[in-house]
Amino acid sequence: MAYSTKAQVKEVLQISEATWDTEIEACITDADARINNKLSPHESTLPLSPVPEMITIASKYIAAALYRERRDPTGDVKVFWDTGTAYLNEYIEAKYFGGSIQ
């Protein structure tokens, strides 16, 4: 089960056409693999189920960054990447190191 959906990623990208759906799905798969890699030192069972909201947000932004990197590397890659990794890091800090979710 993916952490985010095509519709969620398309909302971040502000696109609606179905032309890129297969590529967006591949980006979600890549994003989720990166998230699982980062979570693997802390979790024995991946992917997470149910999916925490912070992980869904991280997935959709990281997938959007990967899509933009492929299609328009001069675009919003850094903003999307930074947003996604910030949510992921905040989740990890709060869940595994006693931090708090802001």
PDB file of N, CA and C in Angstrom:
ATOM      1  N   MET A   1       0.839  -1.179   0.000  1.00  0.00           N
ATOM      2  CA  MET A   1       0.000   0.000   0.000  1.00  0.00           C
ATOM      3  C   MET A   1       0.883   1.240   0.000  1.00  0.00           C
ATOM      4  N   ALA A   2       0.623   2.150  -0.915  1.00  0.00           N
ATOM      5  CA  ALA A   2       1.401   3.381  -1.014  1.00  0.00           C
ATOM      6  C   ALA A   2       1.040   4.329   0.122  1.00  0.00           C
ATOM      7  N   TYR A   3       2.002   5.147   0.494  1.00  0.00           N
ATOM      8  CA  TYR A   3       1.771   6.122   1.560  1.00  0.00           C
ATOM      9  C   TYR A   3       0.954   7.319   1.078  1.00  0.00           C
ATOM     10  N   SER A   4       0.991   7.602  -0.214  1.00  0.00           N
ATOM     11  CA  SER A   4       0.188   8.696  -0.770  1.00  0.00           C
ATOM     12  C   SER A   4      -0.446   8.223  -2.075  1.00  0.00           C
ATOM     13  N   THR A   5      -1.320   9.051  -2.614  1.00  0.00           N
ATOM     14  CA  THR A   5      -2.033   8.694  -3.845  1.00  0.00           C
ATOM     15  C   THR A   5      -1.651   9.636  -4.981  1.00  0.00           C
ATOM     16  N   LYS A   6      -1.974   9.194  -6.191  1.00  0.00           N
ATOM     17  CA  LYS A   6      -1.768  10.058  -7.363  1.00  0.00           C
ATOM     18  C   LYS A   6      -2.481  11.388  -7.175  1.00  0.00           C
ATOM     19  N   ALA A   7      -3.713  11.331  -6.707  1.00  0.00           N
ATOM     20  CA  ALA A   7      -4.506  12.553  -6.538  1.00  0.00           C
ATOM     21  C   ALA A   7      -3.819  13.519  -5.573  1.00  0.00           C
ATOM     22  N   GLN A   8      -3.243  13.000  -4.504  1.00  0.00           N
ATOM     23  CA  GLN A   8      -2.560  13.863  -3.532  1.00  0.00           C
ATOM     24  C   GLN A   8      -1.310  14.500  -4.141  1.00  0.00           C
ATOM     25  N   VAL A   9      -0.562  13.717  -4.904  1.00  0.00           N
ATOM     26  CA  VAL A   9       0.645  14.251  -5.544  1.00  0.00           C
ATOM     27  C   VAL A   9       0.266  15.273  -6.614  1.00  0.00           C
ATOM     28  N   LYS A  10      -0.761  14.982  -7.387  1.00  0.00           N
ATOM     29  CA  LYS A  10      -1.208  15.912  -8.420  1.00  0.00           C
ATOM     30  C   LYS A  10      -1.700  17.227  -7.813  1.00  0.00           C
ATOM     31  N   GLU A  11      -2.290  17.144  -6.630  1.00  0.00           N
ATOM     32  CA  GLU A  11      -2.716  18.363  -5.946  1.00  0.00           C
ATOM     33  C   GLU A  11      -1.497  19.227  -5.600  1.00  0.00           C
ATOM     34  N   VAL A  12      -0.443  18.602  -5.098  1.00  0.00           N
ATOM     35  CA  VAL A  12       0.787  19.339  -4.786  1.00  0.00           C
ATOM     36  C   VAL A  12       1.364  19.957  -6.058  1.00  0.00           C
ATOM     37  N   LEU A  13       1.365  19.184  -7.137  1.00  0.00           N
ATOM     38  CA  LEU A  13       1.930  19.641  -8.410  1.00  0.00           C
ATOM     39  C   LEU A  13       1.019  20.621  -9.145  1.00  0.00           C
ATOM     40  N   GLN A  14      -0.225  20.700  -8.706  1.00  0.00           N
ATOM     41  CA  GLN A  14      -1.247  21.531  -9.342  1.00  0.00           C
ATOM     42  C   GLN A  14      -1.452  21.151 -10.805  1.00  0.00           C
ATOM     43  N   ILE A  15      -1.593  19.832 -11.019  1.00  0.00           N
ATOM     44  CA  ILE A  15      -1.913  19.322 -12.348  1.00  0.00           C
ATOM     45  C   ILE A  15      -3.128  18.414 -12.218  1.00  0.00           C
ATOM     46  N   SER A  16      -3.883  18.300 -13.309  1.00  0.00           N
ATOM     47  CA  SER A  16      -5.076  17.457 -13.261  1.00  0.00           C
ATOM     48  C   SER A  16      -5.114  16.408 -14.362  1.00  0.00           C
ATOM     49  N   GLU A  17      -4.375  16.624 -15.441  1.00  0.00           N
ATOM     50  CA  GLU A  17      -4.445  15.685 -16.554  1.00  0.00           C
ATOM     51  C   GLU A  17      -3.850  14.327 -16.179  1.00  0.00           C
ATOM     52  N   ALA A  18      -4.340  13.304 -16.850  1.00  0.00           N
ATOM     53  CA  ALA A  18      -3.925  11.927 -16.559  1.00  0.00           C
ATOM     54  C   ALA A  18      -2.677  11.513 -17.331  1.00  0.00           C
ATOM     55  N   THR A  19      -2.157  12.394 -18.158  1.00  0.00           N
ATOM     56  CA  THR A  19      -1.023  12.076 -19.022  1.00  0.00           C
ATOM     57  C   THR A  19       0.163  11.496 -18.254  1.00  0.00           C
ATOM     58  N   TRP A  20       0.398  11.996 -17.064  1.00  0.00           N
ATOM     59  CA  TRP A  20       1.606  11.625 -16.318  1.00  0.00           C
ATOM     60  C   TRP A  20       1.326  10.662 -15.165  1.00  0.00           C
ATOM     61  N   ASP A  21       0.149  10.065 -15.125  1.00  0.00           N
ATOM     62  CA  ASP A  21      -0.231   9.214 -13.994  1.00  0.00           C
ATOM     63  C   ASP A  21       0.741   8.063 -13.741  1.00  0.00           C
ATOM     64  N   THR A  22       1.179   7.392 -14.791  1.00  0.00           N
ATOM     65  CA  THR A  22       2.105   6.271 -14.616  1.00  0.00           C
ATOM     66  C   THR A  22       3.425   6.751 -14.030  1.00  0.00           C
ATOM     67  N   GLU A  23       3.901   7.867 -14.507  1.00  0.00           N
ATOM     68  CA  GLU A  23       5.153   8.423 -13.977  1.00  0.00           C
ATOM     69  C   GLU A  23       4.987   8.881 -12.523  1.00  0.00           C
ATOM     70  N   ILE A  24       3.859   9.469 -12.216  1.00  0.00           N
ATOM     71  CA  ILE A  24       3.588   9.885 -10.825  1.00  0.00           C
ATOM     72  C   ILE A  24       3.531   8.670  -9.910  1.00  0.00           C
ATOM     73  N   GLU A  25       2.907   7.593 -10.368  1.00  0.00           N
ATOM     74  CA  GLU A  25       2.874   6.365  -9.565  1.00  0.00           C
ATOM     75  C   GLU A  25       4.283   5.841  -9.307  1.00  0.00           C
ATOM     76  N   ALA A  26       5.150   5.914 -10.312  1.00  0.00           N
ATOM     77  CA  ALA A  26       6.546   5.487 -10.145  1.00  0.00           C
ATOM     78  C   ALA A  26       7.263   6.385  -9.138  1.00  0.00           C
ATOM     79  N   CYS A  27       6.960   7.666  -9.164  1.00  0.00           N
ATOM     80  CA  CYS A  27       7.564   8.600  -8.210  1.00  0.00           C
ATOM     81  C   CYS A  27       7.088   8.315  -6.785  1.00  0.00           C
ATOM     82  N   ILE A  28       5.825   7.945  -6.640  1.00  0.00           N
ATOM     83  CA  ILE A  28       5.305   7.571  -5.316  1.00  0.00           C
ATOM     84  C   ILE A  28       6.038   6.325  -4.814  1.00  0.00           C
ATOM     85  N   THR A  29       6.217   5.347  -5.682  1.00  0.00           N
ATOM     86  CA  THR A  29       6.942   4.127  -5.307  1.00  0.00           C
ATOM     87  C   THR A  29       8.360   4.469  -4.856  1.00  0.00           C
ATOM     88  N   ASP A  30       9.039   5.342  -5.612  1.00  0.00           N
ATOM     89  CA  ASP A  30      10.399   5.759  -5.245  1.00  0.00           C
ATOM     90  C   ASP A  30      10.411   6.528  -3.925  1.00  0.00           C
ATOM     91  N   ALA A  31       9.464   7.430  -3.762  1.00  0.00           N
ATOM     92  CA  ALA A  31       9.387   8.214  -2.520  1.00  0.00           C
ATOM     93  C   ALA A  31       9.167   7.302  -1.322  1.00  0.00           C
ATOM     94  N   ASP A  32       8.253   6.357  -1.463  1.00  0.00           N
ATOM     95  CA  ASP A  32       7.951   5.449  -0.360  1.00  0.00           C
ATOM     96  C   ASP A  32       9.144   4.551  -0.032  1.00  0.00           C
ATOM     97  N   ALA A  33       9.906   4.157  -1.041  1.00  0.00           N
ATOM     98  CA  ALA A  33      11.111   3.364  -0.792  1.00  0.00           C
ATOM     99  C   ALA A  33      12.123   4.174   0.014  1.00  0.00           C
ATOM    100  N   ARG A  34      12.256   5.447  -0.312  1.00  0.00           N
ATOM    101  CA  ARG A  34      13.172   6.316   0.437  1.00  0.00           C
ATOM    102  C   ARG A  34      12.702   6.488   1.879  1.00  0.00           C
ATOM    103  N   ILE A  35      11.401   6.662   2.039  1.00  0.00           N
ATOM    104  CA  ILE A  35      10.838   6.798   3.389  1.00  0.00           C
ATOM    105  C   ILE A  35      11.064   5.511   4.182  1.00  0.00           C
ATOM    106  N   ASN A  36      10.777   4.365   3.577  1.00  0.00           N
ATOM    107  CA  ASN A  36      10.987   3.095   4.273  1.00  0.00           C
ATOM    108  C   ASN A  36      12.450   2.887   4.632  1.00  0.00           C
ATOM    109  N   ASN A  37      13.339   3.304   3.762  1.00  0.00           N
ATOM    110  CA  ASN A  37      14.765   3.195   4.049  1.00  0.00           C
ATOM    111  C   ASN A  37      15.134   4.013   5.285  1.00  0.00           C
ATOM    112  N   LYS A  38      14.570   5.194   5.373  1.00  0.00           N
ATOM    113  CA  LYS A  38      14.843   6.066   6.519  1.00  0.00           C
ATOM    114  C   LYS A  38      14.201   5.526   7.808  1.00  0.00           C
ATOM    115  N   LEU A  39      13.054   4.860   7.673  1.00  0.00           N
ATOM    116  CA  LEU A  39      12.357   4.303   8.833  1.00  0.00           C
ATOM    117  C   LEU A  39      12.908   2.939   9.263  1.00  0.00           C
ATOM    118  N   SER A  40      13.604   2.245   8.386  1.00  0.00           N
ATOM    119  CA  SER A  40      13.997   0.858   8.643  1.00  0.00           C
ATOM    120  C   SER A  40      14.839   0.641   9.904  1.00  0.00           C
ATOM    121  N   PRO A  41      15.672   1.586  10.347  1.00  0.00           N
ATOM    122  CA  PRO A  41      16.377   1.340  11.607  1.00  0.00           C
ATOM    123  C   PRO A  41      15.440   1.332  12.829  1.00  0.00           C
ATOM    124  N   HIS A  42      14.235   1.870  12.664  1.00  0.00           N
ATOM    125  CA  HIS A  42      13.317   2.032  13.785  1.00  0.00           C
ATOM    126  C   HIS A  42      12.117   1.093  13.742  1.00  0.00           C
ATOM    127  N   GLU A  43      11.817   0.528  12.582  1.00  0.00           N
ATOM    128  CA  GLU A  43      10.612  -0.281  12.395  1.00  0.00           C
ATOM    129  C   GLU A  43      10.976  -1.660  11.851  1.00  0.00           C
ATOM    130  N   SER A  44      10.401  -2.689  12.429  1.00  0.00           N
ATOM    131  CA  SER A  44      10.657  -4.039  11.923  1.00  0.00           C
ATOM    132  C   SER A  44       9.671  -4.428  10.826  1.00  0.00           C
ATOM    133  N   THR A  45       8.520  -3.755  10.753  1.00  0.00           N
ATOM    134  CA  THR A  45       7.512  -4.053   9.740  1.00  0.00           C
ATOM    135  C   THR A  45       7.238  -2.806   8.909  1.00  0.00           C
ATOM    136  N   LEU A  46       7.563  -2.912   7.632  1.00  0.00           N
ATOM    137  CA  LEU A  46       7.309  -1.822   6.693  1.00  0.00           C
ATOM    138  C   LEU A  46       6.663  -2.403   5.448  1.00  0.00           C
ATOM    139  N   PRO A  47       5.800  -1.668   4.764  1.00  0.00           N
ATOM    140  CA  PRO A  47       5.407  -0.294   5.037  1.00  0.00           C
ATOM    141  C   PRO A  47       4.519  -0.182   6.273  1.00  0.00           C
ATOM    142  N   LEU A  48       4.447   1.025   6.794  1.00  0.00           N
ATOM    143  CA  LEU A  48       3.610   1.292   7.955  1.00  0.00           C
ATOM    144  C   LEU A  48       2.136   1.120   7.602  1.00  0.00           C
ATOM    145  N   SER A  49       1.402   0.549   8.514  1.00  0.00           N
ATOM    146  CA  SER A  49      -0.044   0.418   8.345  1.00  0.00           C
ATOM    147  C   SER A  49      -0.683   0.396   9.728  1.00  0.00           C
ATOM    148  N   PRO A  50      -1.599   1.294   9.979  1.00  0.00           N
ATOM    149  CA  PRO A  50      -2.093   2.367   9.120  1.00  0.00           C
ATOM    150  C   PRO A  50      -1.007   3.419   8.896  1.00  0.00           C
ATOM    151  N   VAL A  51      -1.221   4.226   7.868  1.00  0.00           N
ATOM    152  CA  VAL A  51      -0.235   5.235   7.493  1.00  0.00           C
ATOM    153  C   VAL A  51      -0.477   6.511   8.293  1.00  0.00           C
ATOM    154  N   PRO A  52       0.529   6.932   9.071  1.00  0.00           N
ATOM    155  CA  PRO A  52       0.388   8.193   9.803  1.00  0.00           C
ATOM    156  C   PRO A  52       0.290   9.382   8.836  1.00  0.00           C
ATOM    157  N   GLU A  53      -0.478  10.373   9.221  1.00  0.00           N
ATOM    158  CA  GLU A  53      -0.678  11.545   8.364  1.00  0.00           C
ATOM    159  C   GLU A  53       0.635  12.210   7.970  1.00  0.00           C
ATOM    160  N   MET A  54       1.573  12.292   8.907  1.00  0.00           N
ATOM    161  CA  MET A  54       2.870  12.921   8.610  1.00  0.00           C
ATOM    162  C   MET A  54       3.615  12.163   7.499  1.00  0.00           C
ATOM    163  N   ILE A  55       3.466  10.857   7.453  1.00  0.00           N
ATOM    164  CA  ILE A  55       4.114  10.043   6.422  1.00  0.00           C
ATOM    165  C   ILE A  55       3.426  10.246   5.075  1.00  0.00           C
ATOM    166  N   THR A  56       2.106  10.359   5.074  1.00  0.00           N
ATOM    167  CA  THR A  56       1.382  10.646   3.831  1.00  0.00           C
ATOM    168  C   THR A  56       1.841  11.982   3.255  1.00  0.00           C
ATOM    169  N   ILE A  57       1.957  12.980   4.105  1.00  0.00           N
ATOM    170  CA  ILE A  57       2.391  14.308   3.638  1.00  0.00           C
ATOM    171  C   ILE A  57       3.814  14.229   3.107  1.00  0.00           C
ATOM    172  N   ALA A  58       4.695  13.547   3.845  1.00  0.00           N
ATOM    173  CA  ALA A  58       6.078  13.393   3.377  1.00  0.00           C
ATOM    174  C   ALA A  58       6.108  12.718   2.014  1.00  0.00           C
ATOM    175  N   SER A  59       5.348  11.647   1.858  1.00  0.00           N
ATOM    176  CA  SER A  59       5.333  10.900   0.608  1.00  0.00           C
ATOM    177  C   SER A  59       4.871  11.750  -0.573  1.00  0.00           C
ATOM    178  N   LYS A  60       3.800  12.494  -0.381  1.00  0.00           N
ATOM    179  CA  LYS A  60       3.282  13.263  -1.526  1.00  0.00           C
ATOM    180  C   LYS A  60       4.248  14.364  -1.944  1.00  0.00           C
ATOM    181  N   TYR A  61       4.931  14.991  -0.989  1.00  0.00           N
ATOM    182  CA  TYR A  61       5.886  16.044  -1.343  1.00  0.00           C
ATOM    183  C   TYR A  61       7.171  15.479  -1.928  1.00  0.00           C
ATOM    184  N   ILE A  62       7.661  14.366  -1.386  1.00  0.00           N
ATOM    185  CA  ILE A  62       8.867  13.753  -1.951  1.00  0.00           C
ATOM    186  C   ILE A  62       8.573  13.226  -3.357  1.00  0.00           C
ATOM    187  N   ALA A  63       7.406  12.608  -3.557  1.00  0.00           N
ATOM    188  CA  ALA A  63       7.018  12.144  -4.892  1.00  0.00           C
ATOM    189  C   ALA A  63       6.909  13.319  -5.864  1.00  0.00           C
ATOM    190  N   ALA A  64       6.348  14.429  -5.411  1.00  0.00           N
ATOM    191  CA  ALA A  64       6.252  15.623  -6.260  1.00  0.00           C
ATOM    192  C   ALA A  64       7.647  16.131  -6.625  1.00  0.00           C
ATOM    193  N   ALA A  65       8.566  16.101  -5.680  1.00  0.00           N
ATOM    194  CA  ALA A  65       9.944  16.523  -5.953  1.00  0.00           C
ATOM    195  C   ALA A  65      10.597  15.614  -6.990  1.00  0.00           C
ATOM    196  N   LEU A  66      10.407  14.314  -6.850  1.00  0.00           N
ATOM    197  CA  LEU A  66      10.990  13.373  -7.805  1.00  0.00           C
ATOM    198  C   LEU A  66      10.394  13.560  -9.199  1.00  0.00           C
ATOM    199  N   TYR A  67       9.098  13.826  -9.255  1.00  0.00           N
ATOM    200  CA  TYR A  67       8.445  14.090 -10.540  1.00  0.00           C
ATOM    201  C   TYR A  67       9.015  15.358 -11.177  1.00  0.00           C
ATOM    202  N   ARG A  68       9.097  16.435 -10.398  1.00  0.00           N
ATOM    203  CA  ARG A  68       9.631  17.694 -10.924  1.00  0.00           C
ATOM    204  C   ARG A  68      11.092  17.546 -11.357  1.00  0.00           C
ATOM    205  N   GLU A  69      11.836  16.750 -10.606  1.00  0.00           N
ATOM    206  CA  GLU A  69      13.243  16.516 -10.958  1.00  0.00           C
ATOM    207  C   GLU A  69      13.349  15.874 -12.342  1.00  0.00           C
ATOM    208  N   ARG A  70      12.416  14.996 -12.662  1.00  0.00           N
ATOM    209  CA  ARG A  70      12.406  14.340 -13.971  1.00  0.00           C
ATOM    210  C   ARG A  70      11.900  15.256 -15.078  1.00  0.00           C
ATOM    211  N   ARG A  71      10.872  16.027 -14.791  1.00  0.00           N
ATOM    212  CA  ARG A  71      10.171  16.803 -15.807  1.00  0.00           C
ATOM    213  C   ARG A  71      10.632  18.246 -15.921  1.00  0.00           C
ATOM    214  N   ASP A  72      11.015  18.864 -14.813  1.00  0.00           N
ATOM    215  CA  ASP A  72      11.359  20.290 -14.816  1.00  0.00           C
ATOM    216  C   ASP A  72      12.358  20.561 -13.694  1.00  0.00           C
ATOM    217  N   PRO A  73      13.617  20.142 -13.882  1.00  0.00           N
ATOM    218  CA  PRO A  73      14.580  20.244 -12.787  1.00  0.00           C
ATOM    219  C   PRO A  73      14.845  21.677 -12.312  1.00  0.00           C
ATOM    220  N   THR A  74      14.425  22.655 -13.071  1.00  0.00           N
ATOM    221  CA  THR A  74      14.616  24.043 -12.629  1.00  0.00           C
ATOM    222  C   THR A  74      13.428  24.538 -11.811  1.00  0.00           C
ATOM    223  N   GLY A  75      12.406  23.701 -11.678  1.00  0.00           N
ATOM    224  CA  GLY A  75      11.169  24.094 -10.995  1.00  0.00           C
ATOM    225  C   GLY A  75      11.246  23.995  -9.489  1.00  0.00           C
ATOM    226  N   ASP A  76      10.193  23.448  -8.893  1.00  0.00           N
ATOM    227  CA  ASP A  76       9.985  23.446  -7.446  1.00  0.00           C
ATOM    228  C   ASP A  76      10.639  22.269  -6.719  1.00  0.00           C
ATOM    229  N   VAL A  77      11.643  21.661  -7.303  1.00  0.00           N
ATOM    230  CA  VAL A  77      12.222  20.444  -6.723  1.00  0.00           C
ATOM    231  C   VAL A  77      12.642  20.664  -5.276  1.00  0.00           C
ATOM    232  N   LYS A  78      13.437  21.688  -5.019  1.00  0.00           N
ATOM    233  CA  LYS A  78      13.973  21.916  -3.677  1.00  0.00           C
ATOM    234  C   LYS A  78      12.862  22.194  -2.664  1.00  0.00           C
ATOM    235  N   VAL A  79      11.900  22.995  -3.029  1.00  0.00           N
ATOM    236  CA  VAL A  79      10.799  23.315  -2.116  1.00  0.00           C
ATOM    237  C   VAL A  79      10.033  22.049  -1.753  1.00  0.00           C
ATOM    238  N   PHE A  80       9.687  21.250  -2.747  1.00  0.00           N
ATOM    239  CA  PHE A  80       8.949  20.015  -2.499  1.00  0.00           C
ATOM    240  C   PHE A  80       9.797  19.031  -1.683  1.00  0.00           C
ATOM    241  N   TRP A  81      11.070  18.878  -2.066  1.00  0.00           N
ATOM    242  CA  TRP A  81      11.961  17.958  -1.358  1.00  0.00           C
ATOM    243  C   TRP A  81      12.123  18.380   0.105  1.00  0.00           C
ATOM    244  N   ASP A  82      12.395  19.655   0.313  1.00  0.00           N
ATOM    245  CA  ASP A  82      12.590  20.150   1.678  1.00  0.00           C
ATOM    246  C   ASP A  82      11.333  19.972   2.527  1.00  0.00           C
ATOM    247  N   THR A  83      10.178  20.217   1.945  1.00  0.00           N
ATOM    248  CA  THR A  83       8.924  20.046   2.678  1.00  0.00           C
ATOM    249  C   THR A  83       8.712  18.582   3.048  1.00  0.00           C
ATOM    250  N   GLY A  84       8.878  17.683   2.092  1.00  0.00           N
ATOM    251  CA  GLY A  84       8.688  16.261   2.353  1.00  0.00           C
ATOM    252  C   GLY A  84       9.656  15.716   3.389  1.00  0.00           C
ATOM    253  N   THR A  85      10.923  16.062   3.256  1.00  0.00           N
ATOM    254  CA  THR A  85      11.907  15.540   4.214  1.00  0.00           C
ATOM    255  C   THR A  85      11.726  16.174   5.590  1.00  0.00           C
ATOM    256  N   ALA A  86      11.244  17.404   5.646  1.00  0.00           N
ATOM    257  CA  ALA A  86      10.975  18.030   6.950  1.00  0.00           C
ATOM    258  C   ALA A  86       9.868  17.272   7.683  1.00  0.00           C
ATOM    259  N   TYR A  87       8.799  16.910   6.967  1.00  0.00           N
ATOM    260  CA  TYR A  87       7.725  16.136   7.593  1.00  0.00           C
ATOM    261  C   TYR A  87       8.233  14.766   8.035  1.00  0.00           C
ATOM    262  N   LEU A  88       9.032  14.117   7.204  1.00  0.00           N
ATOM    263  CA  LEU A  88       9.567  12.810   7.560  1.00  0.00           C
ATOM    264  C   LEU A  88      10.476  12.899   8.783  1.00  0.00           C
ATOM    265  N   ASN A  89      11.378  13.855   8.790  1.00  0.00           N
ATOM    266  CA  ASN A  89      12.291  14.009   9.922  1.00  0.00           C
ATOM    267  C   ASN A  89      11.553  14.369  11.206  1.00  0.00           C
ATOM    268  N   GLU A  90      10.539  15.201  11.085  1.00  0.00           N
ATOM    269  CA  GLU A  90       9.743  15.563  12.257  1.00  0.00           C
ATOM    270  C   GLU A  90       9.005  14.342  12.810  1.00  0.00           C
ATOM    271  N   TYR A  91       8.483  13.513  11.924  1.00  0.00           N
ATOM    272  CA  TYR A  91       7.818  12.277  12.358  1.00  0.00           C
ATOM    273  C   TYR A  91       8.805  11.373  13.090  1.00  0.00           C
ATOM    274  N   ILE A  92       9.974  11.177  12.516  1.00  0.00           N
ATOM    275  CA  ILE A  92      10.982  10.301  13.124  1.00  0.00           C
ATOM    276  C   ILE A  92      11.401  10.837  14.481  1.00  0.00           C
ATOM    277  N   GLU A  93      11.636  12.116  14.574  1.00  0.00           N
ATOM    278  CA  GLU A  93      12.037  12.724  15.857  1.00  0.00           C
ATOM    279  C   GLU A  93      10.958  12.518  16.918  1.00  0.00           C
ATOM    280  N   ALA A  94       9.720  12.767  16.543  1.00  0.00           N
ATOM    281  CA  ALA A  94       8.627  12.660  17.511  1.00  0.00           C
ATOM    282  C   ALA A  94       8.348  11.206  17.896  1.00  0.00           C
ATOM    283  N   LYS A  95       8.347  10.328  16.936  1.00  0.00           N
ATOM    284  CA  LYS A  95       7.973   8.924  17.175  1.00  0.00           C
ATOM    285  C   LYS A  95       9.073   8.127  17.894  1.00  0.00           C
ATOM    286  N   TYR A  96      10.314   8.356  17.507  1.00  0.00           N
ATOM    287  CA  TYR A  96      11.387   7.480  17.982  1.00  0.00           C
ATOM    288  C   TYR A  96      12.358   8.130  18.968  1.00  0.00           C
ATOM    289  N   PHE A  97      12.327   9.460  19.052  1.00  0.00           N
ATOM    290  CA  PHE A  97      13.288  10.139  19.914  1.00  0.00           C
ATOM    291  C   PHE A  97      12.642  11.064  20.917  1.00  0.00           C
ATOM    292  N   GLY A  98      11.344  10.921  21.107  1.00  0.00           N
ATOM    293  CA  GLY A  98      10.648  11.667  22.157  1.00  0.00           C
ATOM    294  C   GLY A  98      10.438  13.129  21.885  1.00  0.00           C
ATOM    295  N   GLY A  99      10.564  13.540  20.626  1.00  0.00           N
ATOM    296  CA  GLY A  99      10.292  14.927  20.285  1.00  0.00           C
ATOM    297  C   GLY A  99       8.788  15.159  20.220  1.00  0.00           C
ATOM    298  N   SER A 100       8.403  16.298  19.729  1.00  0.00           N
ATOM    299  CA  SER A 100       6.982  16.571  19.586  1.00  0.00           C
ATOM    300  C   SER A 100       6.701  17.024  18.169  1.00  0.00           C
ATOM    301  N   ILE A 101       5.512  16.709  17.698  1.00  0.00           N
ATOM    302  CA  ILE A 101       5.083  17.136  16.368  1.00  0.00           C
ATOM    303  C   ILE A 101       4.512  18.521  16.500  1.00  0.00           C
ATOM    304  N   GLN A 102       5.088  19.435  15.751  1.00  0.00           N
ATOM    305  CA  GLN A 102       4.671  20.844  15.819  1.00  0.00           C
ATOM    306  C   GLN A 102       3.374  21.040  15.074  1.00  0.00           C
TER     307      GLN A 102
END
